[in-house]
Amino acid sequence: ADVPKGAYTIQAASVKNKPDADRLVNKLIRRGYPAYLLTSRIEGKGTWHRVRIGAYPTSDAAKPVLAELRRAGMKPILVKTK
């Protein structure tokens, strides 16, 4: 997904198991979230699959979604794109 510079995305999860990550992306999409997968190779730690949602123009715009995900038992983090 192309996220504009300076926008915010929400990282719903970061997992090593790609099928788990794919399942979560699909679950979030079914719930109406603009979810996608970002795969990153981290030196010394291997490959991680990050489940991200959005792009939101401001951190305030992302806050309601962060709250919804927390209520659903996730530990989302807000990420500002560089």
PDB file of N, CA and C in Angstrom:
ATOM      1  N   ALA A   1       0.859  -1.193   0.000  1.00  0.00           N
ATOM      2  CA  ALA A   1       0.000   0.000   0.000  1.00  0.00           C
ATOM      3  C   ALA A   1       0.888   1.233   0.000  1.00  0.00           C
ATOM      4  N   ASP A   2       0.511   2.191  -0.803  1.00  0.00           N
ATOM      5  CA  ASP A   2       1.265   3.443  -0.850  1.00  0.00           C
ATOM      6  C   ASP A   2       0.677   4.404   0.171  1.00  0.00           C
ATOM      7  N   VAL A   3       1.461   4.684   1.186  1.00  0.00           N
ATOM      8  CA  VAL A   3       1.014   5.598   2.238  1.00  0.00           C
ATOM      9  C   VAL A   3       1.725   6.928   2.035  1.00  0.00           C
ATOM     10  N   PRO A   4       0.965   8.036   1.995  1.00  0.00           N
ATOM     11  CA  PRO A   4       1.607   9.332   1.778  1.00  0.00           C
ATOM     12  C   PRO A   4       2.573   9.683   2.904  1.00  0.00           C
ATOM     13  N   LYS A   5       3.618  10.418   2.573  1.00  0.00           N
ATOM     14  CA  LYS A   5       4.581  10.855   3.583  1.00  0.00           C
ATOM     15  C   LYS A   5       3.872  11.746   4.604  1.00  0.00           C
ATOM     16  N   GLY A   6       4.216  11.543   5.882  1.00  0.00           N
ATOM     17  CA  GLY A   6       3.629  12.357   6.929  1.00  0.00           C
ATOM     18  C   GLY A   6       2.267  11.873   7.394  1.00  0.00           C
ATOM     19  N   ALA A   7       1.747  10.832   6.766  1.00  0.00           N
ATOM     20  CA  ALA A   7       0.458  10.270   7.193  1.00  0.00           C
ATOM     21  C   ALA A   7       0.695   9.310   8.354  1.00  0.00           C
ATOM     22  N   TYR A   8      -0.382   8.867   8.946  1.00  0.00           N
ATOM     23  CA  TYR A   8      -0.314   7.911  10.048  1.00  0.00           C
ATOM     24  C   TYR A   8      -0.951   6.594   9.622  1.00  0.00           C
ATOM     25  N   THR A   9      -0.327   5.517  10.022  1.00  0.00           N
ATOM     26  CA  THR A   9      -0.946   4.208   9.858  1.00  0.00           C
ATOM     27  C   THR A   9      -0.981   3.554  11.230  1.00  0.00           C
ATOM     28  N   ILE A  10      -1.823   2.551  11.350  1.00  0.00           N
ATOM     29  CA  ILE A  10      -1.932   1.821  12.605  1.00  0.00           C
ATOM     30  C   ILE A  10      -1.366   0.435  12.388  1.00  0.00           C
ATOM     31  N   GLN A  11      -0.420   0.068  13.222  1.00  0.00           N
ATOM     32  CA  GLN A  11       0.092  -1.303  13.169  1.00  0.00           C
ATOM     33  C   GLN A  11      -0.708  -2.125  14.170  1.00  0.00           C
ATOM     34  N   ALA A  12      -1.521  -3.048  13.621  1.00  0.00           N
ATOM     35  CA  ALA A  12      -2.381  -3.870  14.475  1.00  0.00           C
ATOM     36  C   ALA A  12      -1.603  -5.039  15.064  1.00  0.00           C
ATOM     37  N   ALA A  13      -0.592  -5.509  14.314  1.00  0.00           N
ATOM     38  CA  ALA A  13       0.190  -6.655  14.784  1.00  0.00           C
ATOM     39  C   ALA A  13       1.472  -6.753  13.985  1.00  0.00           C
ATOM     40  N   SER A  14       2.462  -7.420  14.568  1.00  0.00           N
ATOM     41  CA  SER A  14       3.705  -7.744  13.879  1.00  0.00           C
ATOM     42  C   SER A  14       4.022  -9.189  14.249  1.00  0.00           C
ATOM     43  N   VAL A  15       3.959 -10.081  13.254  1.00  0.00           N
ATOM     44  CA  VAL A  15       4.115 -11.512  13.536  1.00  0.00           C
ATOM     45  C   VAL A  15       5.096 -12.155  12.563  1.00  0.00           C
ATOM     46  N   LYS A  16       5.673 -13.275  12.997  1.00  0.00           N
ATOM     47  CA  LYS A  16       6.621 -13.985  12.131  1.00  0.00           C
ATOM     48  C   LYS A  16       5.905 -14.932  11.175  1.00  0.00           C
ATOM     49  N   ASN A  17       4.697 -15.348  11.551  1.00  0.00           N
ATOM     50  CA  ASN A  17       3.981 -16.350  10.777  1.00  0.00           C
ATOM     51  C   ASN A  17       3.088 -15.676   9.735  1.00  0.00           C
ATOM     52  N   LYS A  18       3.439 -15.835   8.435  1.00  0.00           N
ATOM     53  CA  LYS A  18       2.685 -15.144   7.387  1.00  0.00           C
ATOM     54  C   LYS A  18       1.225 -15.588   7.307  1.00  0.00           C
ATOM     55  N   PRO A  19       0.904 -16.880   7.415  1.00  0.00           N
ATOM     56  CA  PRO A  19      -0.518 -17.252   7.384  1.00  0.00           C
ATOM     57  C   PRO A  19      -1.334 -16.565   8.484  1.00  0.00           C
ATOM     58  N   ASP A  20      -0.745 -16.415   9.688  1.00  0.00           N
ATOM     59  CA  ASP A  20      -1.437 -15.694  10.765  1.00  0.00           C
ATOM     60  C   ASP A  20      -1.673 -14.242  10.368  1.00  0.00           C
ATOM     61  N   ALA A  21      -0.649 -13.622   9.784  1.00  0.00           N
ATOM     62  CA  ALA A  21      -0.759 -12.230   9.363  1.00  0.00           C
ATOM     63  C   ALA A  21      -1.825 -12.084   8.281  1.00  0.00           C
ATOM     64  N   ASP A  22      -1.824 -13.006   7.301  1.00  0.00           N
ATOM     65  CA  ASP A  22      -2.827 -12.957   6.230  1.00  0.00           C
ATOM     66  C   ASP A  22      -4.239 -13.091   6.791  1.00  0.00           C
ATOM     67  N   ARG A  23      -4.401 -14.000   7.752  1.00  0.00           N
ATOM     68  CA  ARG A  23      -5.718 -14.198   8.371  1.00  0.00           C
ATOM     69  C   ARG A  23      -6.203 -12.916   9.056  1.00  0.00           C
ATOM     70  N   LEU A  24      -5.291 -12.251   9.770  1.00  0.00           N
ATOM     71  CA  LEU A  24      -5.667 -11.025  10.468  1.00  0.00           C
ATOM     72  C   LEU A  24      -6.024  -9.920   9.469  1.00  0.00           C
ATOM     73  N   VAL A  25      -5.243  -9.779   8.401  1.00  0.00           N
ATOM     74  CA  VAL A  25      -5.551  -8.778   7.375  1.00  0.00           C
ATOM     75  C   VAL A  25      -6.956  -9.031   6.827  1.00  0.00           C
ATOM     76  N   ASN A  26      -7.240 -10.288   6.477  1.00  0.00           N
ATOM     77  CA  ASN A  26      -8.555 -10.614   5.913  1.00  0.00           C
ATOM     78  C   ASN A  26      -9.680 -10.341   6.900  1.00  0.00           C
ATOM     79  N   LYS A  27      -9.449 -10.659   8.167  1.00  0.00           N
ATOM     80  CA  LYS A  27     -10.451 -10.416   9.210  1.00  0.00           C
ATOM     81  C   LYS A  27     -10.731  -8.913   9.338  1.00  0.00           C
ATOM     82  N   LEU A  28      -9.669  -8.114   9.334  1.00  0.00           N
ATOM     83  CA  LEU A  28      -9.831  -6.664   9.456  1.00  0.00           C
ATOM     84  C   LEU A  28     -10.536  -6.084   8.236  1.00  0.00           C
ATOM     85  N   ILE A  29     -10.187  -6.577   7.048  1.00  0.00           N
ATOM     86  CA  ILE A  29     -10.844  -6.101   5.822  1.00  0.00           C
ATOM     87  C   ILE A  29     -12.337  -6.428   5.872  1.00  0.00           C
ATOM     88  N   ARG A  30     -12.663  -7.653   6.331  1.00  0.00           N
ATOM     89  CA  ARG A  30     -14.082  -8.029   6.454  1.00  0.00           C
ATOM     90  C   ARG A  30     -14.820  -7.109   7.423  1.00  0.00           C
ATOM     91  N   ARG A  31     -14.111  -6.592   8.409  1.00  0.00           N
ATOM     92  CA  ARG A  31     -14.723  -5.670   9.378  1.00  0.00           C
ATOM     93  C   ARG A  31     -14.741  -4.226   8.866  1.00  0.00           C
ATOM     94  N   GLY A  32     -14.253  -4.025   7.648  1.00  0.00           N
ATOM     95  CA  GLY A  32     -14.336  -2.698   7.046  1.00  0.00           C
ATOM     96  C   GLY A  32     -13.106  -1.817   7.204  1.00  0.00           C
ATOM     97  N   TYR A  33     -12.014  -2.379   7.739  1.00  0.00           N
ATOM     98  CA  TYR A  33     -10.789  -1.585   7.891  1.00  0.00           C
ATOM     99  C   TYR A  33      -9.941  -1.661   6.624  1.00  0.00           C
ATOM    100  N   PRO A  34      -9.262  -0.567   6.251  1.00  0.00           N
ATOM    101  CA  PRO A  34      -8.343  -0.592   5.100  1.00  0.00           C
ATOM    102  C   PRO A  34      -7.007  -1.231   5.508  1.00  0.00           C
ATOM    103  N   ALA A  35      -7.028  -2.550   5.706  1.00  0.00           N
ATOM    104  CA  ALA A  35      -5.856  -3.266   6.221  1.00  0.00           C
ATOM    105  C   ALA A  35      -4.989  -3.793   5.083  1.00  0.00           C
ATOM    106  N   TYR A  36      -3.694  -3.910   5.355  1.00  0.00           N
ATOM    107  CA  TYR A  36      -2.759  -4.477   4.379  1.00  0.00           C
ATOM    108  C   TYR A  36      -1.562  -5.052   5.128  1.00  0.00           C
ATOM    109  N   LEU A  37      -0.756  -5.793   4.391  1.00  0.00           N
ATOM    110  CA  LEU A  37       0.407  -6.455   4.971  1.00  0.00           C
ATOM    111  C   LEU A  37       1.684  -5.787   4.485  1.00  0.00           C
ATOM    112  N   LEU A  38       2.589  -5.559   5.402  1.00  0.00           N
ATOM    113  CA  LEU A  38       3.901  -4.996   5.085  1.00  0.00           C
ATOM    114  C   LEU A  38       4.934  -5.979   5.624  1.00  0.00           C
ATOM    115  N   THR A  39       5.705  -6.574   4.743  1.00  0.00           N
ATOM    116  CA  THR A  39       6.702  -7.556   5.160  1.00  0.00           C
ATOM    117  C   THR A  39       8.069  -6.893   5.215  1.00  0.00           C
ATOM    118  N   SER A  40       8.741  -7.048   6.341  1.00  0.00           N
ATOM    119  CA  SER A  40      10.052  -6.422   6.538  1.00  0.00           C
ATOM    120  C   SER A  40      11.060  -7.444   7.022  1.00  0.00           C
ATOM    121  N   ARG A  41      12.265  -7.312   6.512  1.00  0.00           N
ATOM    122  CA  ARG A  41      13.359  -8.142   6.987  1.00  0.00           C
ATOM    123  C   ARG A  41      14.156  -7.321   7.987  1.00  0.00           C
ATOM    124  N   ILE A  42      14.277  -7.825   9.211  1.00  0.00           N
ATOM    125  CA  ILE A  42      14.967  -7.092  10.267  1.00  0.00           C
ATOM    126  C   ILE A  42      16.272  -7.807  10.580  1.00  0.00           C
ATOM    127  N   GLU A  43      17.354  -7.072  10.487  1.00  0.00           N
ATOM    128  CA  GLU A  43      18.691  -7.629  10.706  1.00  0.00           C
ATOM    129  C   GLU A  43      18.751  -8.349  12.050  1.00  0.00           C
ATOM    130  N   GLY A  44      19.145  -9.603  12.019  1.00  0.00           N
ATOM    131  CA  GLY A  44      19.300 -10.376  13.238  1.00  0.00           C
ATOM    132  C   GLY A  44      18.011 -10.966  13.792  1.00  0.00           C
ATOM    133  N   LYS A  45      16.872 -10.564  13.235  1.00  0.00           N
ATOM    134  CA  LYS A  45      15.587 -11.043  13.760  1.00  0.00           C
ATOM    135  C   LYS A  45      14.756 -11.771  12.710  1.00  0.00           C
ATOM    136  N   GLY A  46      15.180 -11.705  11.455  1.00  0.00           N
ATOM    137  CA  GLY A  46      14.447 -12.409  10.408  1.00  0.00           C
ATOM    138  C   GLY A  46      13.335 -11.574   9.798  1.00  0.00           C
ATOM    139  N   THR A  47      12.382 -12.262   9.184  1.00  0.00           N
ATOM    140  CA  THR A  47      11.298 -11.607   8.468  1.00  0.00           C
ATOM    141  C   THR A  47      10.074 -11.482   9.371  1.00  0.00           C
ATOM    142  N   TRP A  48       9.501 -10.285   9.382  1.00  0.00           N
ATOM    143  CA  TRP A  48       8.301 -10.006  10.168  1.00  0.00           C
ATOM    144  C   TRP A  48       7.221  -9.493   9.238  1.00  0.00           C
ATOM    145  N   HIS A  49       5.990  -9.881   9.529  1.00  0.00           N
ATOM    146  CA  HIS A  49       4.836  -9.459   8.734  1.00  0.00           C
ATOM    147  C   HIS A  49       4.019  -8.503   9.592  1.00  0.00           C
ATOM    148  N   ARG A  50       3.973  -7.262   9.147  1.00  0.00           N
ATOM    149  CA  ARG A  50       3.276  -6.224   9.913  1.00  0.00           C
ATOM    150  C   ARG A  50       1.903  -5.991   9.312  1.00  0.00           C
ATOM    151  N   VAL A  51       0.903  -6.112  10.150  1.00  0.00           N
ATOM    152  CA  VAL A  51      -0.469  -5.855   9.717  1.00  0.00           C
ATOM    153  C   VAL A  51      -0.758  -4.396  10.014  1.00  0.00           C
ATOM    154  N   ARG A  52      -0.996  -3.642   8.954  1.00  0.00           N
ATOM    155  CA  ARG A  52      -1.224  -2.199   9.096  1.00  0.00           C
ATOM    156  C   ARG A  52      -2.616  -1.833   8.598  1.00  0.00           C
ATOM    157  N   ILE A  53      -3.113  -0.726   9.110  1.00  0.00           N
ATOM    158  CA  ILE A  53      -4.418  -0.206   8.731  1.00  0.00           C
ATOM    159  C   ILE A  53      -4.258   1.259   8.385  1.00  0.00           C
ATOM    160  N   GLY A  54      -4.873   1.637   7.286  1.00  0.00           N
ATOM    161  CA  GLY A  54      -5.004   3.049   6.999  1.00  0.00           C
ATOM    162  C   GLY A  54      -3.962   3.592   6.071  1.00  0.00           C
ATOM    163  N   ALA A  55      -4.338   4.786   5.850  1.00  0.00           N
ATOM    164  CA  ALA A  55      -3.571   5.947   6.167  1.00  0.00           C
ATOM    165  C   ALA A  55      -4.557   6.984   6.662  1.00  0.00           C
ATOM    166  N   TYR A  56      -4.119   7.676   7.685  1.00  0.00           N
ATOM    167  CA  TYR A  56      -4.916   8.729   8.292  1.00  0.00           C
ATOM    168  C   TYR A  56      -4.109  10.014   8.221  1.00  0.00           C
ATOM    169  N   PRO A  57      -4.755  11.139   7.898  1.00  0.00           N
ATOM    170  CA  PRO A  57      -4.002  12.386   7.714  1.00  0.00           C
ATOM    171  C   PRO A  57      -3.396  12.930   9.004  1.00  0.00           C
ATOM    172  N   THR A  58      -4.048  12.632  10.147  1.00  0.00           N
ATOM    173  CA  THR A  58      -3.559  13.135  11.432  1.00  0.00           C
ATOM    174  C   THR A  58      -3.652  12.027  12.482  1.00  0.00           C
ATOM    175  N   SER A  59      -2.935  12.205  13.585  1.00  0.00           N
ATOM    176  CA  SER A  59      -3.032  11.217  14.659  1.00  0.00           C
ATOM    177  C   SER A  59      -4.441  11.225  15.253  1.00  0.00           C
ATOM    178  N   ASP A  60      -5.079  12.401  15.303  1.00  0.00           N
ATOM    179  CA  ASP A  60      -6.446  12.473  15.835  1.00  0.00           C
ATOM    180  C   ASP A  60      -7.414  11.654  14.994  1.00  0.00           C
ATOM    181  N   ALA A  61      -7.216  11.639  13.679  1.00  0.00           N
ATOM    182  CA  ALA A  61      -8.102  10.879  12.793  1.00  0.00           C
ATOM    183  C   ALA A  61      -7.987   9.380  13.056  1.00  0.00           C
ATOM    184  N   ALA A  62      -6.818   8.940  13.531  1.00  0.00           N
ATOM    185  CA  ALA A  62      -6.590   7.514  13.774  1.00  0.00           C
ATOM    186  C   ALA A  62      -7.059   7.071  15.163  1.00  0.00           C
ATOM    187  N   LYS A  63      -7.262   8.018  16.071  1.00  0.00           N
ATOM    188  CA  LYS A  63      -7.564   7.668  17.474  1.00  0.00           C
ATOM    189  C   LYS A  63      -8.797   6.790  17.651  1.00  0.00           C
ATOM    190  N   PRO A  64      -9.921   7.062  16.950  1.00  0.00           N
ATOM    191  CA  PRO A  64     -11.091   6.193  17.142  1.00  0.00           C
ATOM    192  C   PRO A  64     -10.806   4.743  16.731  1.00  0.00           C
ATOM    193  N   VAL A  65     -10.016   4.559  15.686  1.00  0.00           N
ATOM    194  CA  VAL A  65      -9.694   3.199  15.233  1.00  0.00           C
ATOM    195  C   VAL A  65      -8.775   2.521  16.243  1.00  0.00           C
ATOM    196  N   LEU A  66      -7.800   3.245  16.768  1.00  0.00           N
ATOM    197  CA  LEU A  66      -6.932   2.697  17.822  1.00  0.00           C
ATOM    198  C   LEU A  66      -7.782   2.212  18.995  1.00  0.00           C
ATOM    199  N   ALA A  67      -8.754   3.022  19.397  1.00  0.00           N
ATOM    200  CA  ALA A  67      -9.614   2.668  20.533  1.00  0.00           C
ATOM    201  C   ALA A  67     -10.430   1.415  20.222  1.00  0.00           C
ATOM    202  N   GLU A  68     -10.981   1.332  18.997  1.00  0.00           N
ATOM    203  CA  GLU A  68     -11.760   0.144  18.611  1.00  0.00           C
ATOM    204  C   GLU A  68     -10.902  -1.118  18.665  1.00  0.00           C
ATOM    205  N   LEU A  69      -9.686  -1.027  18.160  1.00  0.00           N
ATOM    206  CA  LEU A  69      -8.802  -2.192  18.137  1.00  0.00           C
ATOM    207  C   LEU A  69      -8.420  -2.609  19.556  1.00  0.00           C
ATOM    208  N   ARG A  70      -8.191  -1.630  20.431  1.00  0.00           N
ATOM    209  CA  ARG A  70      -7.868  -1.950  21.833  1.00  0.00           C
ATOM    210  C   ARG A  70      -9.046  -2.669  22.489  1.00  0.00           C
ATOM    211  N   ARG A  71     -10.261  -2.177  22.207  1.00  0.00           N
ATOM    212  CA  ARG A  71     -11.454  -2.829  22.766  1.00  0.00           C
ATOM    213  C   ARG A  71     -11.585  -4.256  22.252  1.00  0.00           C
ATOM    214  N   ALA A  72     -11.062  -4.523  21.049  1.00  0.00           N
ATOM    215  CA  ALA A  72     -11.116  -5.869  20.462  1.00  0.00           C
ATOM    216  C   ALA A  72      -9.980  -6.755  20.985  1.00  0.00           C
ATOM    217  N   GLY A  73      -9.172  -6.224  21.918  1.00  0.00           N
ATOM    218  CA  GLY A  73      -8.128  -7.024  22.542  1.00  0.00           C
ATOM    219  C   GLY A  73      -6.777  -6.959  21.858  1.00  0.00           C
ATOM    220  N   MET A  74      -6.620  -6.045  20.893  1.00  0.00           N
ATOM    221  CA  MET A  74      -5.323  -5.902  20.213  1.00  0.00           C
ATOM    222  C   MET A  74      -4.488  -4.846  20.923  1.00  0.00           C
ATOM    223  N   LYS A  75      -3.219  -4.792  20.524  1.00  0.00           N
ATOM    224  CA  LYS A  75      -2.316  -3.778  21.070  1.00  0.00           C
ATOM    225  C   LYS A  75      -1.754  -2.967  19.897  1.00  0.00           C
ATOM    226  N   PRO A  76      -2.610  -2.143  19.292  1.00  0.00           N
ATOM    227  CA  PRO A  76      -2.169  -1.407  18.110  1.00  0.00           C
ATOM    228  C   PRO A  76      -1.198  -0.280  18.472  1.00  0.00           C
ATOM    229  N   ILE A  77      -0.346   0.056  17.514  1.00  0.00           N
ATOM    230  CA  ILE A  77       0.529   1.214  17.701  1.00  0.00           C
ATOM    231  C   ILE A  77       0.356   2.149  16.503  1.00  0.00           C
ATOM    232  N   LEU A  78       0.510   3.431  16.750  1.00  0.00           N
ATOM    233  CA  LEU A  78       0.397   4.431  15.698  1.00  0.00           C
ATOM    234  C   LEU A  78       1.774   4.660  15.092  1.00  0.00           C
ATOM    235  N   VAL A  79       1.846   4.655  13.774  1.00  0.00           N
ATOM    236  CA  VAL A  79       3.123   4.813  13.068  1.00  0.00           C
ATOM    237  C   VAL A  79       3.014   6.013  12.133  1.00  0.00           C
ATOM    238  N   LYS A  80       3.960   6.949  12.252  1.00  0.00           N
ATOM    239  CA  LYS A  80       3.993   8.082  11.332  1.00  0.00           C
ATOM    240  C   LYS A  80       4.954   7.754  10.197  1.00  0.00           C
ATOM    241  N   THR A  81       4.486   7.924   8.966  1.00  0.00           N
ATOM    242  CA  THR A  81       5.349   7.607   7.829  1.00  0.00           C
ATOM    243  C   THR A  81       6.350   8.743   7.623  1.00  0.00           C
ATOM    244  N   LYS A  82       7.532   8.350   7.165  1.00  0.00           N
ATOM    245  CA  LYS A  82       8.609   9.332   6.987  1.00  0.00           C
ATOM    246  C   LYS A  82       8.578   9.903   5.575  1.00  0.00           C
TER     247      LYS A  82
END
